[in-house]
Amino acid sequence: MKTRHIKKYCKLKPDAQSLLENAMQKLGLSARAYARILKLSRTIADLDSSEEIASHHISEAIQYRTLDRGVF
């Protein structure tokens, strides 16, 4: 998924956007990590039959990301 696709298909609810921004700052994640979390969140939202990405989708994606990196 390219950047233009992320902008088109990864629509976030306001609370999800806030959660993601806070996680980025607190965990010190890169722009690449931001994009990966968004893509994973989109997949999770799709499995949940949700058009928009909600905060619980972001939370789940961050958990998977931190487990993958060993960051707690």
C-alpha atoms as a PDB file:
ATOM      1  CA  MET A   1       0.000   0.000   0.000  1.00  0.00           C
ATOM      2  CA  LYS A   2       1.530   3.288  -1.085  1.00  0.00           C
ATOM      3  CA  THR A   3       1.154   6.633   0.688  1.00  0.00           C
ATOM      4  CA  ARG A   4      -1.723   7.755  -1.526  1.00  0.00           C
ATOM      5  CA  HIS A   5      -3.550   4.523  -0.734  1.00  0.00           C
ATOM      6  CA  ILE A   6      -2.973   4.981   2.986  1.00  0.00           C
ATOM      7  CA  LYS A   7      -4.483   8.479   2.803  1.00  0.00           C
ATOM      8  CA  LYS A   8      -7.457   7.186   0.837  1.00  0.00           C
ATOM      9  CA  TYR A   9      -8.266   3.959   2.694  1.00  0.00           C
ATOM     10  CA  CYS A  10      -7.000   4.495   6.251  1.00  0.00           C
ATOM     11  CA  LYS A  11      -9.581   6.921   7.595  1.00  0.00           C
ATOM     12  CA  LEU A  12      -9.273   7.326  11.354  1.00  0.00           C
ATOM     13  CA  LYS A  13     -11.908   8.286  13.865  1.00  0.00           C
ATOM     14  CA  PRO A  14     -10.777  11.347  15.885  1.00  0.00           C
ATOM     15  CA  ASP A  15     -10.077   9.346  19.054  1.00  0.00           C
ATOM     16  CA  ALA A  16      -8.036   6.843  17.026  1.00  0.00           C
ATOM     17  CA  GLN A  17      -5.942   9.648  15.533  1.00  0.00           C
ATOM     18  CA  SER A  18      -5.257  11.024  19.001  1.00  0.00           C
ATOM     19  CA  LEU A  19      -4.295   7.586  20.320  1.00  0.00           C
ATOM     20  CA  LEU A  20      -1.911   6.992  17.429  1.00  0.00           C
ATOM     21  CA  GLU A  21      -0.246  10.396  17.848  1.00  0.00           C
ATOM     22  CA  ASN A  22       0.232   9.796  21.582  1.00  0.00           C
ATOM     23  CA  ALA A  23       1.691   6.344  20.953  1.00  0.00           C
ATOM     24  CA  MET A  24       4.085   7.750  18.361  1.00  0.00           C
ATOM     25  CA  GLN A  25       5.420  10.305  20.846  1.00  0.00           C
ATOM     26  CA  LYS A  26       5.590   8.038  23.885  1.00  0.00           C
ATOM     27  CA  LEU A  27       7.095   5.054  22.077  1.00  0.00           C
ATOM     28  CA  GLY A  28       9.353   7.145  19.846  1.00  0.00           C
ATOM     29  CA  LEU A  29       8.171   5.426  16.685  1.00  0.00           C
ATOM     30  CA  SER A  30       9.315   6.441  13.208  1.00  0.00           C
ATOM     31  CA  ALA A  31       7.266   7.536  10.203  1.00  0.00           C
ATOM     32  CA  ARG A  32       7.714   4.048   8.782  1.00  0.00           C
ATOM     33  CA  ALA A  33       6.279   2.557  11.982  1.00  0.00           C
ATOM     34  CA  TYR A  34       3.356   5.004  11.736  1.00  0.00           C
ATOM     35  CA  ALA A  35       2.557   3.733   8.232  1.00  0.00           C
ATOM     36  CA  ARG A  36       2.870   0.102   9.284  1.00  0.00           C
ATOM     37  CA  ILE A  37       0.547   0.614  12.243  1.00  0.00           C
ATOM     38  CA  LEU A  38      -1.985   2.312   9.967  1.00  0.00           C
ATOM     39  CA  LYS A  39      -1.863  -0.551   7.469  1.00  0.00           C
ATOM     40  CA  LEU A  40      -2.233  -3.152  10.191  1.00  0.00           C
ATOM     41  CA  SER A  41      -5.073  -1.151  11.751  1.00  0.00           C
ATOM     42  CA  ARG A  42      -6.816  -1.085   8.366  1.00  0.00           C
ATOM     43  CA  THR A  43      -6.573  -4.875   8.176  1.00  0.00           C
ATOM     44  CA  ILE A  44      -7.936  -5.254  11.700  1.00  0.00           C
ATOM     45  CA  ALA A  45     -10.799  -2.858  10.895  1.00  0.00           C
ATOM     46  CA  ASP A  46     -11.554  -4.849   7.729  1.00  0.00           C
ATOM     47  CA  LEU A  47     -11.772  -8.055   9.749  1.00  0.00           C
ATOM     48  CA  ASP A  48     -14.147  -6.189  12.071  1.00  0.00           C
ATOM     49  CA  SER A  49     -16.247  -5.033   9.043  1.00  0.00           C
ATOM     50  CA  SER A  50     -15.566  -1.399   9.924  1.00  0.00           C
ATOM     51  CA  GLU A  51     -15.207   1.344   7.327  1.00  0.00           C
ATOM     52  CA  GLU A  52     -13.253   3.612   9.669  1.00  0.00           C
ATOM     53  CA  ILE A  53     -10.352   2.734  11.898  1.00  0.00           C
ATOM     54  CA  ALA A  54     -11.362   3.024  15.557  1.00  0.00           C
ATOM     55  CA  SER A  55      -9.174   3.409  18.617  1.00  0.00           C
ATOM     56  CA  HIS A  56      -9.445  -0.293  19.505  1.00  0.00           C
ATOM     57  CA  HIS A  57      -8.088  -1.160  16.036  1.00  0.00           C
ATOM     58  CA  ILE A  58      -5.126   1.166  16.620  1.00  0.00           C
ATOM     59  CA  SER A  59      -4.561  -0.293  20.094  1.00  0.00           C
ATOM     60  CA  GLU A  60      -4.468  -3.822  18.751  1.00  0.00           C
ATOM     61  CA  ALA A  61      -2.055  -2.866  15.964  1.00  0.00           C
ATOM     62  CA  ILE A  62       0.242  -1.099  18.452  1.00  0.00           C
ATOM     63  CA  GLN A  63       0.222  -4.167  20.678  1.00  0.00           C
ATOM     64  CA  TYR A  64       1.284  -6.353  17.777  1.00  0.00           C
ATOM     65  CA  ARG A  65       3.950  -3.839  16.821  1.00  0.00           C
ATOM     66  CA  THR A  66       5.388  -3.636  20.334  1.00  0.00           C
ATOM     67  CA  LEU A  67       5.367  -7.428  20.674  1.00  0.00           C
ATOM     68  CA  ASP A  68       7.266  -7.667  17.391  1.00  0.00           C
ATOM     69  CA  ARG A  69       9.855  -5.147  18.543  1.00  0.00           C
ATOM     70  CA  GLY A  70      10.114  -6.177  22.188  1.00  0.00           C
ATOM     71  CA  VAL A  71       9.159  -2.643  23.324  1.00  0.00           C
ATOM     72  CA  PHE A  72       7.149  -2.450  26.531  1.00  0.00           C
END
